Amino acid sequence: MAETLALESPRTGVTVLRLNRPQRLNAINETMVAELRQACSALAVDTTVNVVVLTGAGRGFCSGIDMRDFGPSMLDAADPTIDRMRFQEAMAALPLAVEALPQPVIAAVNGPCVGGGLALSLAADIRIASTAASFGNAAILLGLSGAEMGMSYHLPRIVGTSVAADWMLTGRTVTADEADRRGLVSQLVAPEQLLDKAIELACGIAQLAPLGVQLTKRTLQVNTDAGSLWAALELENRNQVLSHATDDAAGRRQKWSR
């Protein structure tokens, strides 16, 4: 039984992974770091899971690192540089674990989404948000770099370099409306409808051919950095040939041709 996470399967092929420290706005502590990595490793090899919905318990998605209750691995500025680097690498491994899941990940952002929480949401494939959600990266307000945990990679690709620079250099809070206008989220919904909408979206994807869905996810990830249209087409062509030869695709083509 996880201490900081809750997993449920509300529909066939769909798993909801909930950050579960509502009393701390689901702030990331040492236990959550370990449990989230373990959960992602287990989900990655679970062939019964086609889509993952990532959300938070209570009124927040994730308020970042729990500075008051992280544990003994939280280091001081006077600690050796190599130890502080290892700590930063352990934190950076969290969005990497989310992005590396073969299944599509839908972040259902239900409230404050800050720092490490923002990094986790950026690693998802789709983000939908409650109208009560807010976003921000306050690291720069603490004298740290505003670029951490993959944000300088993901955010400019999602909202553009100028908007990303605005958010990361100021550390200001971004409202749900602004996030929607800038393309950070694909849709805004009322708070009470958020999880149902996320599960509905996940169910639609879960009913599709798993190989086709996973190849599409990987192609989107790789071709975001494709050096040319030619390079992108090469990967797309190979994936179409691979998926075309499956029994699943043959059955679905037969159904549509009737």
Protein backbone atom coordinates (compact mmCIF):
# COMPACT_ATOMS: atom_id res chain seq x y z
CA MET A 1 0.00 0.00 0.00
CA ALA A 2 1.48 3.32 -1.09
CA GLU A 3 1.74 6.08 1.49
CA THR A 4 1.72 9.07 -0.87
CA LEU A 5 -0.09 7.73 -3.94
CA ALA A 6 -3.47 6.21 -4.69
CA LEU A 7 -4.16 4.10 -7.78
CA GLU A 8 -7.55 3.09 -9.10
CA SER A 9 -8.95 1.64 -12.30
CA PRO A 10 -12.33 3.30 -12.92
CA ARG A 11 -12.65 1.88 -16.46
CA THR A 12 -11.13 -0.93 -18.48
CA GLY A 13 -7.66 0.08 -19.63
CA VAL A 14 -7.59 3.29 -17.57
CA THR A 15 -5.61 3.85 -14.38
CA VAL A 16 -5.88 6.98 -12.25
CA LEU A 17 -2.61 7.78 -10.47
CA ARG A 18 -3.37 10.25 -7.72
CA LEU A 19 -0.79 12.18 -5.72
CA ASN A 20 -2.16 11.69 -2.24
CA ARG A 21 -0.87 14.17 0.32
CA PRO A 22 -3.85 16.54 0.31
CA GLN A 23 -2.95 18.08 3.67
CA ARG A 24 0.25 19.40 2.01
CA LEU A 25 -1.30 20.16 -1.41
CA ASN A 26 0.40 16.94 -2.58
CA ALA A 27 3.87 18.38 -2.09
CA ILE A 28 6.64 15.97 -3.07
CA ASN A 29 8.47 14.41 -0.13
CA GLU A 30 11.12 11.72 -0.08
CA THR A 31 8.56 8.93 0.10
CA MET A 32 6.66 10.26 -2.90
CA VAL A 33 9.84 10.40 -4.97
CA ALA A 34 10.41 6.67 -4.41
CA GLU A 35 6.76 5.67 -4.75
CA LEU A 36 6.18 7.65 -7.92
CA ARG A 37 9.18 6.12 -9.62
CA GLN A 38 8.08 2.64 -8.50
CA ALA A 39 4.52 3.26 -9.72
CA CYS A 40 5.73 4.42 -13.13
CA SER A 41 7.99 1.37 -13.46
CA ALA A 42 5.07 -0.93 -12.64
CA LEU A 43 2.63 0.85 -14.98
CA ALA A 44 5.13 0.77 -17.84
CA VAL A 45 5.02 -3.04 -17.98
CA ASP A 46 1.32 -3.47 -17.16
CA THR A 47 -0.33 -4.46 -20.43
CA THR A 48 -3.81 -4.05 -18.93
CA VAL A 49 -3.23 -0.28 -18.66
CA ASN A 50 -3.71 1.68 -21.89
CA VAL A 51 -3.95 5.22 -20.51
CA VAL A 52 -2.85 6.87 -17.25
CA VAL A 53 -4.63 9.84 -15.67
CA LEU A 54 -2.37 11.78 -13.31
CA THR A 55 -4.09 14.04 -10.78
CA GLY A 56 -3.97 15.21 -7.18
CA ALA A 57 -6.07 14.52 -4.11
CA GLY A 58 -8.00 17.32 -2.50
CA ARG A 59 -7.79 20.89 -3.77
CA GLY A 60 -4.30 20.80 -5.28
CA PHE A 61 -2.44 19.01 -8.05
CA CYS A 62 1.06 19.36 -6.57
CA SER A 63 2.69 22.30 -4.79
CA GLY A 64 6.26 21.23 -5.58
CA ILE A 65 8.92 19.98 -3.17
CA ASP A 66 7.90 19.82 0.47
CA MET A 67 10.62 22.02 1.94
CA ARG A 68 9.43 21.40 5.51
CA ASP A 69 8.99 17.65 5.38
CA PHE A 70 11.25 16.10 2.78
CA GLY A 71 13.48 13.92 4.90
CA PRO A 72 17.18 13.34 5.44
CA SER A 73 18.07 13.47 1.75
CA MET A 74 17.19 17.19 1.56
CA LEU A 75 20.63 18.79 1.39
CA ASP A 76 22.07 22.05 2.62
CA ALA A 77 23.99 24.49 0.45
CA ALA A 78 27.13 23.59 2.37
CA ASP A 79 26.91 19.93 1.41
CA PRO A 80 29.27 18.56 -1.27
CA THR A 81 28.37 19.61 -4.79
CA ILE A 82 28.26 16.03 -6.01
CA ASP A 83 25.67 15.12 -3.35
CA ARG A 84 23.51 18.10 -4.27
CA MET A 85 23.79 17.09 -7.92
CA ARG A 86 22.58 13.58 -7.08
CA PHE A 87 19.61 15.07 -5.27
CA GLN A 88 18.72 17.26 -8.26
CA GLU A 89 19.07 14.28 -10.59
CA ALA A 90 16.69 12.24 -8.41
CA MET A 91 14.08 15.00 -8.65
CA ALA A 92 14.61 15.38 -12.40
CA ALA A 93 14.03 11.64 -12.81
CA LEU A 94 10.35 12.09 -11.87
CA PRO A 95 9.14 13.91 -15.02
CA LEU A 96 11.41 11.64 -17.02
CA ALA A 97 9.62 8.60 -15.56
CA VAL A 98 6.23 10.08 -16.45
CA GLU A 99 7.28 10.96 -20.00
CA ALA A 100 8.87 7.53 -20.51
CA LEU A 101 5.63 5.67 -19.83
CA PRO A 102 4.62 3.89 -23.05
CA GLN A 103 0.97 4.71 -22.36
CA PRO A 104 -0.40 8.21 -22.95
CA VAL A 105 -0.59 10.27 -19.75
CA ILE A 106 -3.38 12.78 -19.16
CA ALA A 107 -2.68 15.32 -16.42
CA ALA A 108 -5.94 16.40 -14.79
CA VAL A 109 -4.81 19.56 -13.04
CA ASN A 110 -7.30 20.19 -10.26
CA GLY A 111 -5.67 23.07 -8.38
CA PRO A 112 -2.26 24.64 -7.66
CA CYS A 113 0.39 23.13 -9.92
CA VAL A 114 3.74 24.54 -8.87
CA GLY A 115 7.44 23.72 -9.25
CA GLY A 116 7.85 19.97 -9.37
CA GLY A 117 4.10 19.68 -9.91
CA LEU A 118 4.35 21.85 -13.01
CA ALA A 119 7.24 19.68 -14.22
CA LEU A 120 5.12 16.55 -13.82
CA SER A 121 2.22 18.08 -15.73
CA LEU A 122 4.53 19.18 -18.55
CA ALA A 123 5.77 15.60 -18.90
CA ALA A 124 2.21 14.42 -19.56
CA ASP A 125 0.97 14.06 -23.14
CA ILE A 126 -2.31 15.90 -22.57
CA ARG A 127 -3.20 18.44 -19.91
CA ILE A 128 -6.74 19.40 -18.98
CA ALA A 129 -7.40 21.72 -16.10
CA SER A 130 -10.04 22.81 -13.67
CA THR A 131 -11.00 26.46 -13.77
CA ALA A 132 -9.62 26.50 -10.20
CA ALA A 133 -6.15 25.43 -11.36
CA SER A 134 -3.10 27.67 -11.29
CA PHE A 135 0.46 27.18 -12.50
CA GLY A 136 3.86 28.52 -11.56
CA ASN A 137 7.51 27.89 -10.90
CA ALA A 138 8.64 29.79 -7.85
CA ALA A 139 12.24 28.52 -7.81
CA ILE A 140 13.56 31.79 -9.20
CA LEU A 141 11.87 33.66 -6.35
CA LEU A 142 14.02 31.61 -3.96
CA GLY A 143 17.24 32.63 -5.67
CA LEU A 144 17.42 29.43 -7.70
CA SER A 145 17.25 28.85 -11.43
CA GLY A 146 13.77 28.87 -12.90
CA ALA A 147 14.87 26.10 -15.23
CA GLU A 148 14.67 22.68 -13.60
CA MET A 149 13.14 19.22 -13.92
CA GLY A 150 12.80 19.54 -17.69
CA MET A 151 10.88 22.81 -17.72
CA SER A 152 13.31 24.60 -20.05
CA TYR A 153 12.81 21.74 -22.50
CA HIS A 154 9.06 21.16 -22.26
CA LEU A 155 7.59 24.59 -21.65
CA PRO A 156 8.96 26.43 -24.74
CA ARG A 157 7.78 23.56 -26.93
CA ILE A 158 4.27 23.82 -25.50
CA VAL A 159 3.69 27.58 -25.16
CA GLY A 160 6.56 29.11 -27.15
CA THR A 161 9.85 30.62 -26.07
CA SER A 162 8.62 34.11 -25.20
CA VAL A 163 5.75 32.95 -23.00
CA ALA A 164 7.98 30.34 -21.37
CA ALA A 165 10.59 33.00 -20.62
CA ASP A 166 7.93 35.26 -19.11
CA TRP A 167 6.71 32.55 -16.77
CA MET A 168 10.12 31.13 -15.85
CA LEU A 169 11.95 34.44 -15.35
CA THR A 170 9.24 36.04 -13.23
CA GLY A 171 8.02 33.04 -11.24
CA ARG A 172 4.55 34.54 -11.34
CA THR A 173 1.34 32.60 -10.88
CA VAL A 174 -0.45 31.76 -14.11
CA THR A 175 -4.22 31.44 -13.95
CA ALA A 176 -6.19 28.63 -15.57
CA ASP A 177 -7.57 31.09 -18.13
CA GLU A 178 -4.11 32.26 -19.16
CA ALA A 179 -2.85 28.68 -19.32
CA ASP A 180 -5.72 27.87 -21.64
CA ARG A 181 -5.10 30.90 -23.87
CA ARG A 182 -1.41 30.04 -24.18
CA GLY A 183 -2.05 26.40 -25.08
CA LEU A 184 -0.67 24.86 -21.90
CA VAL A 185 -3.91 22.93 -21.49
CA SER A 186 -6.21 21.50 -24.11
CA GLN A 187 -9.41 22.33 -22.25
CA LEU A 188 -10.79 23.93 -19.10
CA VAL A 189 -13.65 22.35 -17.19
CA ALA A 190 -15.56 23.02 -14.00
CA PRO A 191 -13.83 21.58 -10.92
CA GLU A 192 -16.55 19.03 -10.27
CA GLN A 193 -16.34 17.75 -13.86
CA LEU A 194 -12.56 17.51 -14.19
CA LEU A 195 -11.93 13.89 -13.29
CA ASP A 196 -14.97 12.65 -15.23
CA LYS A 197 -13.76 14.55 -18.31
CA ALA A 198 -10.25 13.16 -17.94
CA ILE A 199 -11.56 9.61 -17.59
CA GLU A 200 -13.89 10.10 -20.56
CA LEU A 201 -10.95 11.25 -22.67
CA ALA A 202 -8.82 8.37 -21.40
CA CYS A 203 -11.55 5.84 -22.21
CA GLY A 204 -11.75 7.05 -25.79
CA ILE A 205 -8.01 6.53 -26.22
CA ALA A 206 -8.03 3.22 -24.31
CA GLN A 207 -10.47 1.75 -26.83
CA LEU A 208 -8.03 2.29 -29.69
CA ALA A 209 -5.29 -0.12 -30.75
CA PRO A 210 -2.62 0.02 -28.02
CA LEU A 211 0.29 -0.33 -30.45
CA GLY A 212 -1.02 2.44 -32.69
CA VAL A 213 -1.54 4.71 -29.69
CA GLN A 214 1.91 4.04 -28.24
CA LEU A 215 3.63 4.50 -31.59
CA THR A 216 1.79 7.80 -32.00
CA LYS A 217 2.98 8.97 -28.58
CA ARG A 218 6.58 8.05 -29.34
CA THR A 219 6.46 9.68 -32.77
CA LEU A 220 5.16 12.92 -31.31
CA GLN A 221 7.96 12.89 -28.73
CA VAL A 222 10.72 12.14 -31.22
CA ASN A 223 9.51 14.34 -34.07
CA THR A 224 9.18 17.40 -31.85
CA ASP A 225 12.96 17.51 -32.22
CA ALA A 226 13.17 16.14 -35.75
CA GLY A 227 15.90 17.80 -37.77
CA SER A 228 13.78 17.91 -40.92
CA LEU A 229 10.46 16.91 -42.44
CA TRP A 230 12.31 14.06 -44.16
CA ALA A 231 13.50 12.69 -40.83
CA ALA A 232 10.00 12.95 -39.38
CA LEU A 233 8.47 11.16 -42.36
CA GLU A 234 10.98 8.33 -42.11
CA LEU A 235 9.81 7.52 -38.59
CA GLU A 236 6.14 7.96 -39.46
CA ASN A 237 6.46 5.66 -42.48
CA ARG A 238 8.08 2.88 -40.49
CA ASN A 239 5.49 3.10 -37.72
CA GLN A 240 2.64 2.90 -40.22
CA VAL A 241 4.16 -0.21 -41.78
CA LEU A 242 4.63 -1.81 -38.36
CA SER A 243 1.11 -1.09 -37.15
CA HIS A 244 -0.50 -2.01 -40.49
CA ALA A 245 0.64 -5.63 -40.16
CA THR A 246 -1.03 -6.29 -36.78
CA ASP A 247 -4.14 -8.40 -36.24
CA ASP A 248 -5.65 -5.53 -34.29
CA ALA A 249 -5.35 -3.18 -37.26
CA ALA A 250 -6.70 -5.81 -39.65
CA GLY A 251 -9.76 -6.35 -37.46
CA ARG A 252 -10.45 -2.66 -37.17
CA ARG A 253 -10.07 -2.09 -40.92
CA GLN A 254 -12.52 -4.91 -41.55
CA LYS A 255 -15.02 -3.36 -39.15
CA TRP A 256 -14.78 0.06 -40.85
CA SER A 257 -15.13 -1.43 -44.33
CA ARG A 258 -18.49 -3.02 -43.60
